[in-house]
Amino acid sequence: TRRSTRYTVLEAIRAGSSSPPNSRLARAVTRSFLPLTIGLGLKDLLARGRRALLLAAAIALTGAVVAVALSLEATFDAQPAGEVSDVPDELPLLIYTLDAALLLITATTLVAVTLLSVRERIRDYGVLKAIGLTPSQITSTVVSAHAALAVVASLLAIPLGIGLYLALVKAASGTTEDAVLAPWWSLALIPVGAVLVVVAATSLPARLATRIRTADALRYE
């Protein structure tokens, strides 16, 4: 809110333009060999670079904490029966609670960002419908772009989560010798789960973009 009050009149008028700012990454996506729907969606998502970066950070942080929880569970399962652990008993519950809270925050953020993106591009969707794109293709531009961002962010989340887990074990016991990483197949489920959450969170806002009539969308400002 404070930043919004610092704009000059000219900057505020430019910020209200219906065309999103472009970026080098967005232009590179346009020149790539990606399918039309994914390319259009990524171009629009990456044009708002800061928004896309914050969304990717939220997904990566959530995935990293999930990786920590999976590795903690693997460490507990690998301990011999009756051996006293250096990790407090309350820590797993704390990690799982944090997982649930971050997942809820990320899903809410996804819905809010998608609704905002759809609202900003209603006129563009009208143009796309006018030149022949079907409602399913327009929905795919929104959902596939966010899903692609989720794949990249969740892949980065795995090494980030492993690093956080090793740091946590070292802080608790002074060494990482007894640390047990989660099985690769469970870590591989993090990108899959991230994509499913993103698709579920963005599908409804994306469908809203297809319900407005083409004539109304073209007149929308």
Protein backbone atom coordinates (compact mmCIF):
# COMPACT_ATOMS: atom_id res chain seq x y z
CA THR A 1 0.00 0.00 0.00
CA ARG A 2 2.83 2.38 0.83
CA ARG A 3 4.54 1.64 -2.47
CA SER A 4 1.35 2.36 -4.39
CA THR A 5 1.21 5.89 -2.93
CA ARG A 6 4.72 6.70 -4.16
CA TYR A 7 3.87 6.46 -7.85
CA THR A 8 3.76 9.63 -9.89
CA VAL A 9 0.61 10.38 -11.86
CA LEU A 10 2.28 9.26 -15.10
CA GLU A 11 3.48 6.00 -13.55
CA ALA A 12 0.00 5.33 -12.15
CA ILE A 13 -1.58 5.84 -15.59
CA ARG A 14 0.94 3.49 -17.16
CA ALA A 15 0.38 0.91 -14.42
CA GLY A 16 -3.31 0.89 -15.27
CA SER A 17 -2.64 -0.18 -18.85
CA SER A 18 -4.38 -3.39 -19.88
CA SER A 19 -1.19 -4.74 -21.48
CA PRO A 20 1.15 -6.37 -18.95
CA PRO A 21 4.81 -5.37 -18.94
CA ASN A 22 7.05 -7.59 -21.03
CA SER A 23 10.27 -9.30 -19.94
CA ARG A 24 13.19 -11.08 -21.55
CA LEU A 25 12.06 -14.42 -20.14
CA ALA A 26 8.53 -13.86 -21.44
CA ARG A 27 9.89 -13.00 -24.88
CA ALA A 28 12.07 -16.13 -24.81
CA VAL A 29 9.02 -18.26 -24.06
CA THR A 30 7.23 -16.68 -27.02
CA ARG A 31 10.06 -17.75 -29.34
CA SER A 32 10.23 -21.29 -27.94
CA PHE A 33 8.71 -24.42 -29.44
CA LEU A 34 6.19 -24.91 -26.64
CA PRO A 35 2.56 -25.65 -27.53
CA LEU A 36 0.48 -22.56 -28.22
CA THR A 37 -1.60 -22.70 -25.03
CA ILE A 38 1.38 -23.25 -22.72
CA GLY A 39 3.43 -20.58 -24.49
CA LEU A 40 0.66 -17.98 -24.21
CA GLY A 41 0.05 -18.77 -20.56
CA LEU A 42 3.73 -18.67 -19.60
CA LYS A 43 4.28 -15.44 -21.50
CA ASP A 44 1.51 -13.71 -19.54
CA LEU A 45 2.55 -15.24 -16.22
CA LEU A 46 6.24 -14.38 -16.61
CA ALA A 47 5.44 -10.87 -17.81
CA ARG A 48 4.52 -10.18 -14.16
CA GLY A 49 7.98 -11.21 -13.03
CA ARG A 50 7.72 -10.29 -9.36
CA ARG A 51 4.34 -11.97 -9.00
CA ALA A 52 5.58 -15.15 -10.66
CA LEU A 53 8.73 -15.14 -8.49
CA LEU A 54 6.76 -14.82 -5.25
CA LEU A 55 4.38 -17.56 -6.32
CA ALA A 56 7.28 -19.86 -7.20
CA ALA A 57 8.89 -19.09 -3.83
CA ALA A 58 5.69 -20.04 -1.99
CA ILE A 59 5.50 -23.35 -3.86
CA ALA A 60 9.19 -24.06 -3.32
CA LEU A 61 9.00 -23.32 0.41
CA THR A 62 5.97 -25.58 0.83
CA GLY A 63 7.67 -28.39 -1.08
CA ALA A 64 10.87 -27.95 0.95
CA VAL A 65 9.02 -28.33 4.26
CA VAL A 66 7.29 -31.44 2.91
CA ALA A 67 10.73 -32.86 2.03
CA VAL A 68 11.89 -32.12 5.59
CA ALA A 69 8.87 -33.94 7.01
CA LEU A 70 9.45 -36.98 4.79
CA SER A 71 13.11 -37.16 5.76
CA LEU A 72 12.29 -36.83 9.46
CA GLU A 73 9.81 -39.68 9.11
CA ALA A 74 12.47 -41.80 7.38
CA THR A 75 14.95 -41.02 10.18
CA PHE A 76 12.50 -42.09 12.87
CA ASP A 77 11.65 -45.30 11.00
CA ALA A 78 15.36 -46.19 10.68
CA GLN A 79 16.08 -45.87 14.40
CA PRO A 80 16.41 -49.14 16.37
CA ALA A 81 13.60 -49.84 18.80
CA GLY A 82 14.20 -48.40 22.26
CA GLU A 83 16.95 -46.00 21.18
CA VAL A 84 16.62 -42.48 22.55
CA SER A 85 16.42 -39.86 19.81
CA ASP A 86 18.01 -36.42 19.98
CA VAL A 87 15.01 -35.01 18.14
CA PRO A 88 12.16 -33.84 20.41
CA ASP A 89 8.95 -35.85 20.11
CA GLU A 90 6.97 -32.69 19.41
CA LEU A 91 9.04 -31.79 16.33
CA PRO A 92 7.28 -34.11 13.83
CA LEU A 93 3.88 -32.73 14.86
CA LEU A 94 5.22 -29.19 14.48
CA ILE A 95 6.57 -29.97 11.00
CA TYR A 96 3.29 -31.57 9.87
CA THR A 97 1.33 -28.61 11.21
CA LEU A 98 3.63 -26.25 9.33
CA ASP A 99 3.12 -28.36 6.19
CA ALA A 100 -0.65 -28.02 6.46
CA ALA A 101 -0.48 -24.26 7.11
CA LEU A 102 1.89 -23.64 4.19
CA LEU A 103 -0.21 -25.80 1.89
CA LEU A 104 -3.32 -23.79 2.77
CA ILE A 105 -1.50 -20.48 2.29
CA THR A 106 -0.06 -21.58 -1.06
CA ALA A 107 -3.40 -22.83 -2.35
CA THR A 108 -5.09 -19.58 -1.28
CA THR A 109 -2.32 -17.57 -2.95
CA LEU A 110 -2.73 -19.56 -6.15
CA VAL A 111 -6.46 -18.86 -6.27
CA ALA A 112 -5.92 -15.15 -5.57
CA VAL A 113 -3.13 -14.75 -8.14
CA THR A 114 -5.11 -16.63 -10.78
CA LEU A 115 -8.23 -14.55 -10.18
CA LEU A 116 -6.17 -11.37 -10.44
CA SER A 117 -4.47 -12.56 -13.62
CA VAL A 118 -7.81 -13.51 -15.18
CA ARG A 119 -9.35 -10.16 -14.27
CA GLU A 120 -6.40 -8.28 -15.79
CA ARG A 121 -6.63 -10.23 -19.04
CA ILE A 122 -10.36 -10.45 -19.69
CA ARG A 123 -10.05 -8.28 -22.80
CA ASP A 124 -7.17 -10.42 -24.08
CA TYR A 125 -9.26 -13.54 -23.60
CA GLY A 126 -11.98 -11.90 -25.64
CA VAL A 127 -9.50 -11.34 -28.46
CA LEU A 128 -8.33 -14.95 -28.25
CA LYS A 129 -11.92 -16.19 -28.42
CA ALA A 130 -12.60 -13.88 -31.35
CA ILE A 131 -9.72 -15.34 -33.37
CA GLY A 132 -10.82 -18.90 -32.73
CA LEU A 133 -9.48 -20.25 -29.43
CA THR A 134 -11.93 -22.55 -27.68
CA PRO A 135 -12.91 -22.18 -23.99
CA SER A 136 -10.89 -25.30 -23.14
CA GLN A 137 -7.81 -23.83 -24.81
CA ILE A 138 -8.17 -20.57 -22.90
CA THR A 139 -8.53 -22.50 -19.65
CA SER A 140 -5.44 -24.49 -20.58
CA THR A 141 -3.38 -21.31 -21.05
CA VAL A 142 -3.97 -20.36 -17.42
CA VAL A 143 -3.73 -23.80 -15.80
CA SER A 144 -0.76 -25.10 -17.81
CA ALA A 145 1.33 -21.98 -17.18
CA HIS A 146 0.89 -22.22 -13.41
CA ALA A 147 1.50 -25.98 -13.53
CA ALA A 148 4.77 -25.46 -15.43
CA LEU A 149 5.86 -22.91 -12.82
CA ALA A 150 4.96 -25.42 -10.08
CA VAL A 151 7.11 -28.13 -11.68
CA VAL A 152 10.19 -25.88 -11.72
CA ALA A 153 9.59 -24.60 -8.18
CA SER A 154 8.96 -28.07 -6.74
CA LEU A 155 12.10 -29.49 -8.37
CA LEU A 156 14.08 -26.73 -6.66
CA ALA A 157 12.23 -27.50 -3.42
CA ILE A 158 13.74 -30.99 -3.14
CA PRO A 159 17.41 -29.96 -2.70
CA LEU A 160 16.28 -26.99 -0.61
CA GLY A 161 14.31 -29.32 1.67
CA ILE A 162 17.24 -31.73 1.98
CA GLY A 163 19.51 -28.84 2.95
CA LEU A 164 17.02 -27.62 5.56
CA TYR A 165 16.66 -31.13 6.94
CA LEU A 166 20.42 -31.64 7.29
CA ALA A 167 20.73 -28.25 8.98
CA LEU A 168 17.94 -29.20 11.38
CA VAL A 169 19.59 -32.51 12.27
CA LYS A 170 22.95 -30.83 12.79
CA ALA A 171 21.39 -28.20 15.04
CA ALA A 172 19.69 -30.92 17.11
CA SER A 173 22.55 -33.43 17.43
CA GLY A 174 25.68 -31.59 16.28
CA THR A 175 26.28 -34.00 13.40
CA THR A 176 24.55 -35.30 10.30
CA GLU A 177 25.95 -38.84 10.50
CA ASP A 178 22.65 -40.31 11.66
CA ALA A 179 20.55 -38.38 9.15
CA VAL A 180 18.44 -40.53 6.86
CA LEU A 181 17.02 -38.96 3.71
CA ALA A 182 13.57 -39.82 2.51
CA PRO A 183 13.37 -42.44 -0.27
CA TRP A 184 13.73 -41.03 -3.76
CA TRP A 185 10.25 -42.20 -4.74
CA SER A 186 8.64 -40.22 -1.92
CA LEU A 187 10.63 -37.10 -2.85
CA ALA A 188 9.58 -37.62 -6.48
CA LEU A 189 5.96 -37.31 -5.36
CA ILE A 190 6.53 -33.66 -4.34
CA PRO A 191 6.43 -32.31 -7.94
CA VAL A 192 3.44 -34.53 -8.69
CA GLY A 193 1.57 -33.26 -5.64
CA ALA A 194 2.52 -29.66 -6.43
CA VAL A 195 1.10 -29.93 -9.94
CA LEU A 196 -2.13 -31.51 -8.67
CA VAL A 197 -2.60 -28.74 -6.08
CA VAL A 198 -1.91 -26.05 -8.67
CA VAL A 199 -4.31 -27.55 -11.21
CA ALA A 200 -7.04 -27.86 -8.58
CA ALA A 201 -6.50 -24.29 -7.32
CA THR A 202 -6.39 -22.64 -10.75
CA SER A 203 -9.03 -24.60 -12.66
CA LEU A 204 -12.07 -22.74 -11.32
CA PRO A 205 -10.65 -19.20 -11.78
CA ALA A 206 -9.49 -20.19 -15.27
CA ARG A 207 -12.97 -21.38 -16.22
CA LEU A 208 -14.42 -18.06 -15.14
CA ALA A 209 -12.45 -16.43 -17.95
CA THR A 210 -14.32 -18.49 -20.53
CA ARG A 211 -17.82 -17.62 -19.31
CA ILE A 212 -17.79 -13.96 -20.27
CA ARG A 213 -19.16 -13.22 -23.72
CA THR A 214 -16.66 -12.23 -26.38
CA ALA A 215 -18.34 -8.85 -27.02
CA ASP A 216 -18.34 -8.01 -23.30
CA ALA A 217 -14.71 -9.09 -22.97
CA LEU A 218 -13.61 -6.88 -25.84
CA ARG A 219 -15.33 -3.87 -24.25
CA TYR A 220 -13.86 -4.64 -20.80
CA GLU A 221 -11.39 -2.17 -19.33
